[in-house]
């Protein structure tokens, strides 16, 4: 369960602060555990999910990738430390890999609120979902929620910002 009534949930955001270095990422997970956070959230992607090889930031995205085994190790580290592991994903390949690595839940980035295939896939995963709606129009939010509900989403938390 992602949100509990009358309880604040603390989620540490790792984002790309690890700069592509696995040892730094592991230390950040350890810090979240030591801080007694409820969860840590990663941003997980393949460079090909974010751009083409001629895109100016493609090499940067590639430098931030971890192997599936490394992501699995970080997820297990978090869970063994008593916290949940969540992830932003930007494509189906990353989402499938994280399901196989036992991720606890997903955050849907506002740029993907209009990406039905990803919304459908994540809803069908049965994992808790955080839907970030910053900058979205009401109709876009309603459509995304409808897609999630129609595809079996069990728990959806709207994030406004």
N, C-alpha and C. Protein backbone atom coordinates (compact mmCIF):
# COMPACT_ATOMS: atom_id res chain seq x y z
N UNK A 1 0.85 -1.18 0.00
CA UNK A 1 0.00 0.00 0.00
C UNK A 1 0.89 1.24 0.00
N UNK A 2 0.58 2.15 -0.87
CA UNK A 2 1.38 3.35 -1.05
C UNK A 2 1.07 4.42 -0.02
N UNK A 3 -0.18 4.71 0.15
CA UNK A 3 -0.60 5.77 1.06
C UNK A 3 -1.48 5.18 2.15
N UNK A 4 -1.18 5.53 3.38
CA UNK A 4 -2.00 5.09 4.50
C UNK A 4 -2.69 6.30 5.10
N UNK A 5 -3.95 6.11 5.48
CA UNK A 5 -4.73 7.19 6.04
C UNK A 5 -4.04 7.73 7.29
N UNK A 6 -3.99 9.05 7.40
CA UNK A 6 -3.41 9.76 8.55
C UNK A 6 -1.93 9.47 8.76
N UNK A 7 -1.22 9.17 7.67
CA UNK A 7 0.23 8.95 7.77
C UNK A 7 0.91 9.65 6.61
N UNK A 8 1.94 10.41 6.92
CA UNK A 8 2.75 11.04 5.89
C UNK A 8 3.71 9.98 5.35
N UNK A 9 3.83 9.91 4.04
CA UNK A 9 4.74 8.97 3.40
C UNK A 9 5.95 9.76 2.89
N UNK A 10 7.13 9.40 3.35
CA UNK A 10 8.36 10.08 2.94
C UNK A 10 9.03 9.26 1.83
N UNK A 11 9.16 9.88 0.65
CA UNK A 11 9.79 9.23 -0.49
C UNK A 11 11.04 10.03 -0.85
N UNK A 12 12.20 9.39 -0.76
CA UNK A 12 13.45 10.03 -1.16
C UNK A 12 13.59 9.92 -2.67
N UNK A 13 13.87 11.03 -3.32
CA UNK A 13 14.02 11.09 -4.77
C UNK A 13 15.49 11.01 -5.12
N UNK A 14 15.89 9.92 -5.78
CA UNK A 14 17.28 9.76 -6.18
C UNK A 14 17.55 10.44 -7.51
N UNK A 15 16.58 10.41 -8.40
CA UNK A 15 16.70 11.00 -9.72
C UNK A 15 18.00 10.56 -10.39
N UNK A 16 18.79 11.47 -10.92
CA UNK A 16 20.07 11.13 -11.54
C UNK A 16 21.26 11.63 -10.71
N UNK A 17 21.06 11.82 -9.41
CA UNK A 17 22.14 12.33 -8.57
C UNK A 17 23.32 11.37 -8.47
N UNK A 18 23.14 10.13 -8.87
CA UNK A 18 24.22 9.14 -8.84
C UNK A 18 25.19 9.31 -10.00
N UNK A 19 24.84 10.13 -10.99
CA UNK A 19 25.69 10.47 -12.13
C UNK A 19 26.23 9.24 -12.86
N UNK A 20 25.44 8.17 -12.90
CA UNK A 20 25.84 6.97 -13.61
C UNK A 20 26.77 6.04 -12.85
N UNK A 21 27.00 6.34 -11.57
CA UNK A 21 27.93 5.55 -10.76
C UNK A 21 27.13 4.67 -9.79
N UNK A 22 27.29 3.35 -9.94
CA UNK A 22 26.51 2.41 -9.13
C UNK A 22 26.83 2.55 -7.65
N UNK A 23 28.10 2.75 -7.29
CA UNK A 23 28.45 2.86 -5.87
C UNK A 23 27.78 4.07 -5.23
N UNK A 24 27.65 5.15 -5.98
CA UNK A 24 26.97 6.34 -5.47
C UNK A 24 25.48 6.05 -5.30
N UNK A 25 24.88 5.37 -6.27
CA UNK A 25 23.47 5.01 -6.18
C UNK A 25 23.21 4.15 -4.95
N UNK A 26 24.08 3.20 -4.71
CA UNK A 26 23.93 2.32 -3.54
C UNK A 26 24.05 3.11 -2.24
N UNK A 27 24.95 4.07 -2.21
CA UNK A 27 25.08 4.93 -1.02
C UNK A 27 23.83 5.77 -0.81
N UNK A 28 23.21 6.23 -1.89
CA UNK A 28 21.98 7.01 -1.77
C UNK A 28 20.83 6.15 -1.24
N UNK A 29 20.75 4.91 -1.69
CA UNK A 29 19.74 4.00 -1.14
C UNK A 29 20.00 3.79 0.34
N UNK A 30 21.27 3.58 0.71
CA UNK A 30 21.63 3.43 2.11
C UNK A 30 21.26 4.65 2.95
N UNK A 31 21.46 5.83 2.37
CA UNK A 31 21.11 7.06 3.09
C UNK A 31 19.60 7.16 3.31
N UNK A 32 18.81 6.74 2.32
CA UNK A 32 17.35 6.75 2.47
C UNK A 32 16.92 5.79 3.57
N UNK A 33 17.58 4.63 3.62
CA UNK A 33 17.28 3.66 4.68
C UNK A 33 17.66 4.24 6.03
N UNK A 34 18.86 4.80 6.13
CA UNK A 34 19.33 5.38 7.39
C UNK A 34 18.44 6.53 7.86
N UNK A 35 17.89 7.27 6.92
CA UNK A 35 17.02 8.40 7.25
C UNK A 35 15.62 7.95 7.65
N UNK A 36 15.36 6.65 7.58
CA UNK A 36 14.06 6.07 7.93
C UNK A 36 12.94 6.55 7.00
N UNK A 37 13.32 6.75 5.72
CA UNK A 37 12.30 7.09 4.71
C UNK A 37 11.38 5.89 4.55
N UNK A 38 10.22 6.14 3.96
CA UNK A 38 9.29 5.05 3.64
C UNK A 38 9.64 4.40 2.31
N UNK A 39 10.26 5.19 1.42
CA UNK A 39 10.55 4.69 0.08
C UNK A 39 11.66 5.51 -0.56
N UNK A 40 12.22 4.94 -1.61
CA UNK A 40 13.13 5.67 -2.49
C UNK A 40 12.56 5.57 -3.89
N UNK A 41 12.77 6.63 -4.69
CA UNK A 41 12.27 6.62 -6.06
C UNK A 41 13.41 6.87 -7.02
N UNK A 42 13.50 5.97 -8.00
CA UNK A 42 14.50 6.05 -9.05
C UNK A 42 13.87 6.59 -10.33
N UNK A 43 14.69 7.06 -11.25
CA UNK A 43 14.27 7.31 -12.62
C UNK A 43 15.01 6.28 -13.46
N UNK A 44 14.25 5.40 -14.10
CA UNK A 44 14.85 4.28 -14.84
C UNK A 44 14.44 4.38 -16.30
N UNK A 45 15.44 4.29 -17.17
CA UNK A 45 15.17 4.39 -18.60
C UNK A 45 16.31 3.78 -19.39
N UNK A 46 16.02 3.52 -20.63
CA UNK A 46 17.02 3.22 -21.65
C UNK A 46 17.11 4.49 -22.47
N UNK A 47 18.32 4.84 -22.89
CA UNK A 47 18.50 6.06 -23.69
C UNK A 47 17.58 6.06 -24.91
N UNK A 48 17.35 4.89 -25.49
CA UNK A 48 16.50 4.79 -26.67
C UNK A 48 15.03 5.11 -26.37
N UNK A 49 14.64 5.06 -25.09
CA UNK A 49 13.27 5.43 -24.73
C UNK A 49 13.10 6.95 -24.65
N UNK A 50 14.21 7.67 -24.60
CA UNK A 50 14.15 9.12 -24.42
C UNK A 50 14.53 9.91 -25.67
N UNK A 51 15.26 9.28 -26.57
CA UNK A 51 15.68 10.02 -27.75
C UNK A 51 16.37 9.13 -28.76
N UNK A 52 16.65 9.71 -29.90
CA UNK A 52 17.38 9.00 -30.94
C UNK A 52 18.87 9.27 -30.79
N UNK A 53 19.67 8.47 -31.47
CA UNK A 53 21.13 8.57 -31.32
C UNK A 53 21.67 9.94 -31.74
N UNK A 54 20.95 10.66 -32.57
CA UNK A 54 21.42 11.98 -32.98
C UNK A 54 20.94 13.10 -32.04
N UNK A 55 20.18 12.76 -31.00
CA UNK A 55 19.72 13.76 -30.02
C UNK A 55 20.92 14.22 -29.19
N UNK A 56 21.02 15.50 -28.92
CA UNK A 56 22.21 16.06 -28.27
C UNK A 56 22.48 15.49 -26.87
N UNK A 57 21.46 14.98 -26.19
CA UNK A 57 21.66 14.44 -24.83
C UNK A 57 21.69 12.91 -24.80
N UNK A 58 21.69 12.29 -25.96
CA UNK A 58 21.66 10.82 -26.01
C UNK A 58 22.84 10.20 -25.26
N UNK A 59 24.03 10.72 -25.45
CA UNK A 59 25.21 10.17 -24.76
C UNK A 59 25.09 10.34 -23.25
N UNK A 60 24.55 11.45 -22.80
CA UNK A 60 24.32 11.66 -21.37
C UNK A 60 23.35 10.60 -20.85
N UNK A 61 22.24 10.39 -21.54
CA UNK A 61 21.27 9.38 -21.11
C UNK A 61 21.92 8.00 -21.05
N UNK A 62 22.74 7.68 -22.04
CA UNK A 62 23.42 6.39 -22.06
C UNK A 62 24.34 6.25 -20.85
N UNK A 63 25.01 7.33 -20.47
CA UNK A 63 25.95 7.28 -19.34
C UNK A 63 25.25 7.06 -18.00
N UNK A 64 23.94 7.29 -17.96
CA UNK A 64 23.17 7.13 -16.72
C UNK A 64 22.49 5.77 -16.60
N UNK A 65 22.58 4.95 -17.64
CA UNK A 65 21.93 3.65 -17.63
C UNK A 65 22.65 2.68 -16.69
N UNK A 66 21.87 1.85 -16.02
CA UNK A 66 22.39 0.70 -15.28
C UNK A 66 21.88 -0.56 -15.95
N UNK A 67 22.54 -1.67 -15.66
CA UNK A 67 22.06 -2.95 -16.17
C UNK A 67 20.84 -3.38 -15.36
N UNK A 68 20.04 -4.29 -15.90
CA UNK A 68 18.92 -4.81 -15.11
C UNK A 68 19.38 -5.41 -13.77
N UNK A 69 20.52 -6.05 -13.77
CA UNK A 69 21.04 -6.65 -12.53
C UNK A 69 21.35 -5.57 -11.50
N UNK A 70 21.92 -4.46 -11.93
CA UNK A 70 22.22 -3.37 -11.00
C UNK A 70 20.94 -2.77 -10.44
N UNK A 71 19.93 -2.56 -11.29
CA UNK A 71 18.65 -2.05 -10.79
C UNK A 71 18.06 -3.04 -9.80
N UNK A 72 18.15 -4.32 -10.11
CA UNK A 72 17.65 -5.35 -9.20
C UNK A 72 18.35 -5.30 -7.86
N UNK A 73 19.67 -5.08 -7.89
CA UNK A 73 20.43 -4.98 -6.63
C UNK A 73 19.99 -3.78 -5.80
N UNK A 74 19.74 -2.64 -6.46
CA UNK A 74 19.31 -1.45 -5.73
C UNK A 74 17.91 -1.63 -5.14
N UNK A 75 17.03 -2.26 -5.91
CA UNK A 75 15.68 -2.53 -5.41
C UNK A 75 15.74 -3.45 -4.20
N UNK A 76 16.53 -4.51 -4.30
CA UNK A 76 16.68 -5.46 -3.19
C UNK A 76 17.31 -4.78 -1.97
N UNK A 77 18.30 -3.94 -2.20
CA UNK A 77 18.93 -3.21 -1.10
C UNK A 77 17.89 -2.39 -0.35
N UNK A 78 17.05 -1.67 -1.09
CA UNK A 78 16.01 -0.86 -0.46
C UNK A 78 15.05 -1.75 0.33
N UNK A 79 14.56 -2.79 -0.30
CA UNK A 79 13.59 -3.67 0.35
C UNK A 79 14.19 -4.38 1.56
N UNK A 80 15.43 -4.84 1.44
CA UNK A 80 16.11 -5.47 2.58
C UNK A 80 16.30 -4.49 3.73
N UNK A 81 16.40 -3.19 3.38
CA UNK A 81 16.54 -2.14 4.39
C UNK A 81 15.22 -1.67 4.96
N UNK A 82 14.12 -2.28 4.51
CA UNK A 82 12.82 -1.96 5.08
C UNK A 82 12.08 -0.81 4.42
N UNK A 83 12.52 -0.39 3.22
CA UNK A 83 11.81 0.68 2.52
C UNK A 83 11.35 0.16 1.16
N UNK A 84 10.38 0.86 0.59
CA UNK A 84 9.86 0.53 -0.71
C UNK A 84 10.72 1.14 -1.81
N UNK A 85 10.67 0.53 -2.98
CA UNK A 85 11.39 1.05 -4.15
C UNK A 85 10.37 1.36 -5.24
N UNK A 86 10.34 2.61 -5.66
CA UNK A 86 9.46 3.07 -6.73
C UNK A 86 10.32 3.60 -7.87
N UNK A 87 9.72 3.71 -9.05
CA UNK A 87 10.49 4.22 -10.18
C UNK A 87 9.61 4.99 -11.14
N UNK A 88 10.17 6.12 -11.63
CA UNK A 88 9.66 6.76 -12.83
C UNK A 88 10.14 5.89 -13.99
N UNK A 89 9.30 5.66 -14.94
CA UNK A 89 9.74 4.97 -16.15
C UNK A 89 9.27 5.77 -17.35
N UNK A 90 9.98 5.59 -18.45
CA UNK A 90 9.67 6.37 -19.65
C UNK A 90 9.44 5.47 -20.86
N UNK A 91 9.34 4.15 -20.61
CA UNK A 91 9.11 3.23 -21.71
C UNK A 91 8.75 1.85 -21.22
N UNK A 92 8.20 1.08 -22.12
CA UNK A 92 7.73 -0.26 -21.79
C UNK A 92 8.87 -1.22 -21.44
N UNK A 93 10.00 -1.08 -22.11
CA UNK A 93 11.13 -1.97 -21.83
C UNK A 93 11.62 -1.81 -20.40
N UNK A 94 11.77 -0.59 -19.97
CA UNK A 94 12.20 -0.33 -18.59
C UNK A 94 11.15 -0.81 -17.59
N UNK A 95 9.90 -0.55 -17.89
CA UNK A 95 8.82 -0.97 -16.99
C UNK A 95 8.81 -2.49 -16.83
N UNK A 96 8.92 -3.22 -17.92
CA UNK A 96 8.92 -4.68 -17.86
C UNK A 96 10.10 -5.19 -17.04
N UNK A 97 11.27 -4.61 -17.27
CA UNK A 97 12.46 -5.02 -16.53
C UNK A 97 12.26 -4.81 -15.04
N UNK A 98 11.68 -3.68 -14.65
CA UNK A 98 11.48 -3.38 -13.24
C UNK A 98 10.46 -4.32 -12.60
N UNK A 99 9.45 -4.70 -13.33
CA UNK A 99 8.49 -5.68 -12.81
C UNK A 99 9.22 -6.99 -12.52
N UNK A 100 10.08 -7.38 -13.45
CA UNK A 100 10.86 -8.62 -13.27
C UNK A 100 11.81 -8.51 -12.08
N UNK A 101 12.23 -7.30 -11.74
CA UNK A 101 13.14 -7.07 -10.61
C UNK A 101 12.39 -6.74 -9.32
N UNK A 102 11.06 -6.89 -9.34
CA UNK A 102 10.22 -6.75 -8.14
C UNK A 102 10.10 -5.33 -7.60
N UNK A 103 10.01 -4.35 -8.49
CA UNK A 103 9.78 -2.97 -8.06
C UNK A 103 8.46 -2.91 -7.30
N UNK A 104 8.37 -2.02 -6.32
CA UNK A 104 7.16 -1.93 -5.49
C UNK A 104 6.06 -1.09 -6.12
N UNK A 105 6.41 -0.14 -6.97
CA UNK A 105 5.41 0.72 -7.58
C UNK A 105 6.05 1.66 -8.58
N UNK A 106 5.22 2.39 -9.30
CA UNK A 106 5.68 3.27 -10.37
C UNK A 106 5.14 4.68 -10.19
N UNK A 107 5.93 5.65 -10.66
CA UNK A 107 5.46 7.02 -10.82
C UNK A 107 5.39 7.29 -12.31
N UNK A 108 4.30 7.86 -12.73
CA UNK A 108 4.12 8.22 -14.13
C UNK A 108 4.42 9.70 -14.26
N UNK A 109 5.42 10.01 -15.07
CA UNK A 109 5.86 11.38 -15.29
C UNK A 109 4.77 12.16 -16.04
N UNK A 110 4.64 13.46 -15.77
CA UNK A 110 3.59 14.24 -16.45
C UNK A 110 3.70 14.19 -17.98
N UNK A 111 4.91 14.00 -18.51
CA UNK A 111 5.04 13.92 -19.96
C UNK A 111 4.41 12.66 -20.53
N UNK A 112 4.15 11.66 -19.68
CA UNK A 112 3.55 10.41 -20.14
C UNK A 112 2.07 10.29 -19.82
N UNK A 113 1.46 11.36 -19.32
CA UNK A 113 0.04 11.30 -19.00
C UNK A 113 -0.79 11.06 -20.26
N UNK A 114 -0.21 11.38 -21.44
CA UNK A 114 -0.90 11.17 -22.71
C UNK A 114 -0.24 10.04 -23.51
N UNK A 115 0.27 9.04 -22.82
CA UNK A 115 0.90 7.89 -23.47
C UNK A 115 0.11 6.63 -23.10
N UNK A 116 -1.02 6.41 -23.77
CA UNK A 116 -1.89 5.28 -23.40
C UNK A 116 -1.19 3.92 -23.29
N UNK A 117 -0.29 3.55 -24.21
CA UNK A 117 0.32 2.22 -24.07
C UNK A 117 1.07 2.05 -22.74
N UNK A 118 1.77 3.08 -22.30
CA UNK A 118 2.48 2.99 -21.02
C UNK A 118 1.49 2.97 -19.86
N UNK A 119 0.47 3.82 -19.91
CA UNK A 119 -0.55 3.84 -18.86
C UNK A 119 -1.22 2.47 -18.74
N UNK A 120 -1.58 1.89 -19.86
CA UNK A 120 -2.24 0.57 -19.85
C UNK A 120 -1.32 -0.49 -19.26
N UNK A 121 -0.07 -0.50 -19.68
CA UNK A 121 0.89 -1.49 -19.20
C UNK A 121 1.09 -1.37 -17.69
N UNK A 122 1.28 -0.16 -17.22
CA UNK A 122 1.52 0.04 -15.79
C UNK A 122 0.27 -0.32 -14.97
N UNK A 123 -0.91 0.01 -15.47
CA UNK A 123 -2.14 -0.35 -14.77
C UNK A 123 -2.26 -1.86 -14.63
N UNK A 124 -1.93 -2.57 -15.68
CA UNK A 124 -2.03 -4.03 -15.68
C UNK A 124 -0.98 -4.69 -14.79
N UNK A 125 0.05 -3.94 -14.41
CA UNK A 125 1.11 -4.51 -13.56
C UNK A 125 0.60 -4.85 -12.17
N UNK A 126 -0.49 -4.18 -11.76
CA UNK A 126 -1.01 -4.40 -10.41
C UNK A 126 -0.24 -3.66 -9.34
N UNK A 127 0.77 -2.91 -9.72
CA UNK A 127 1.59 -2.16 -8.77
C UNK A 127 0.92 -0.83 -8.43
N UNK A 128 1.16 -0.29 -7.22
CA UNK A 128 0.67 1.06 -6.91
C UNK A 128 1.27 2.07 -7.89
N UNK A 129 0.48 3.07 -8.23
CA UNK A 129 0.90 4.08 -9.21
C UNK A 129 0.76 5.48 -8.63
N UNK A 130 1.76 6.30 -8.91
CA UNK A 130 1.70 7.72 -8.61
C UNK A 130 1.61 8.41 -9.97
N UNK A 131 0.55 9.16 -10.21
CA UNK A 131 0.35 9.86 -11.47
C UNK A 131 0.63 11.33 -11.24
N UNK A 132 1.72 11.81 -11.79
CA UNK A 132 2.09 13.22 -11.65
C UNK A 132 1.32 14.01 -12.71
N UNK A 133 0.58 15.00 -12.27
CA UNK A 133 -0.32 15.72 -13.18
C UNK A 133 0.07 17.19 -13.38
N UNK A 134 1.24 17.58 -12.91
CA UNK A 134 1.67 18.97 -13.04
C UNK A 134 1.67 19.42 -14.49
N UNK A 135 1.01 20.53 -14.77
CA UNK A 135 0.96 21.09 -16.11
C UNK A 135 -0.08 20.46 -17.01
N UNK A 136 -0.83 19.49 -16.50
CA UNK A 136 -1.83 18.79 -17.31
C UNK A 136 -3.19 19.48 -17.20
N UNK A 137 -3.96 19.37 -18.27
CA UNK A 137 -5.33 19.87 -18.27
C UNK A 137 -6.26 18.84 -17.64
N UNK A 138 -7.36 19.32 -17.11
CA UNK A 138 -8.33 18.43 -16.44
C UNK A 138 -8.74 17.25 -17.33
N UNK A 139 -9.00 17.53 -18.61
CA UNK A 139 -9.42 16.47 -19.53
C UNK A 139 -8.33 15.41 -19.68
N UNK A 140 -7.06 15.83 -19.71
CA UNK A 140 -5.95 14.88 -19.82
C UNK A 140 -5.86 13.99 -18.58
N UNK A 141 -6.06 14.61 -17.42
CA UNK A 141 -6.02 13.86 -16.16
C UNK A 141 -7.17 12.85 -16.12
N UNK A 142 -8.36 13.31 -16.47
CA UNK A 142 -9.52 12.41 -16.46
C UNK A 142 -9.34 11.25 -17.42
N UNK A 143 -8.79 11.52 -18.60
CA UNK A 143 -8.55 10.46 -19.59
C UNK A 143 -7.52 9.47 -19.06
N UNK A 144 -6.44 9.96 -18.46
CA UNK A 144 -5.41 9.07 -17.92
C UNK A 144 -5.98 8.20 -16.81
N UNK A 145 -6.76 8.79 -15.92
CA UNK A 145 -7.37 8.02 -14.83
C UNK A 145 -8.32 6.96 -15.40
N UNK A 146 -9.07 7.33 -16.43
CA UNK A 146 -9.97 6.39 -17.08
C UNK A 146 -9.19 5.20 -17.66
N UNK A 147 -8.10 5.48 -18.35
CA UNK A 147 -7.27 4.41 -18.92
C UNK A 147 -6.72 3.52 -17.81
N UNK A 148 -6.23 4.13 -16.74
CA UNK A 148 -5.69 3.35 -15.63
C UNK A 148 -6.78 2.46 -15.02
N UNK A 149 -7.95 3.04 -14.76
CA UNK A 149 -9.05 2.27 -14.16
C UNK A 149 -9.52 1.14 -15.06
N UNK A 150 -9.67 1.44 -16.35
CA UNK A 150 -10.13 0.43 -17.31
C UNK A 150 -9.17 -0.74 -17.43
N UNK A 151 -7.91 -0.52 -17.08
CA UNK A 151 -6.89 -1.55 -17.22
C UNK A 151 -6.47 -2.16 -15.89
N UNK A 152 -7.30 -1.94 -14.87
CA UNK A 152 -7.12 -2.67 -13.62
C UNK A 152 -6.22 -2.05 -12.57
N UNK A 153 -5.91 -0.76 -12.69
CA UNK A 153 -5.09 -0.12 -11.65
C UNK A 153 -5.78 -0.27 -10.30
N UNK A 154 -5.01 -0.69 -9.32
CA UNK A 154 -5.58 -0.95 -7.99
C UNK A 154 -5.44 0.25 -7.08
N UNK A 155 -4.36 0.99 -7.22
CA UNK A 155 -4.11 2.15 -6.36
C UNK A 155 -3.41 3.23 -7.17
N UNK A 156 -4.03 4.41 -7.25
CA UNK A 156 -3.46 5.53 -7.98
C UNK A 156 -3.47 6.75 -7.07
N UNK A 157 -2.32 7.35 -6.91
CA UNK A 157 -2.18 8.57 -6.13
C UNK A 157 -1.87 9.69 -7.12
N UNK A 158 -2.65 10.77 -7.08
CA UNK A 158 -2.38 11.93 -7.93
C UNK A 158 -1.37 12.83 -7.24
N UNK A 159 -0.37 13.23 -7.99
CA UNK A 159 0.65 14.15 -7.48
C UNK A 159 0.51 15.46 -8.22
N UNK A 160 0.33 16.54 -7.48
CA UNK A 160 0.16 17.87 -8.07
C UNK A 160 1.42 18.68 -7.78
N UNK A 161 1.88 19.40 -8.78
CA UNK A 161 3.07 20.21 -8.52
C UNK A 161 3.40 21.05 -9.71
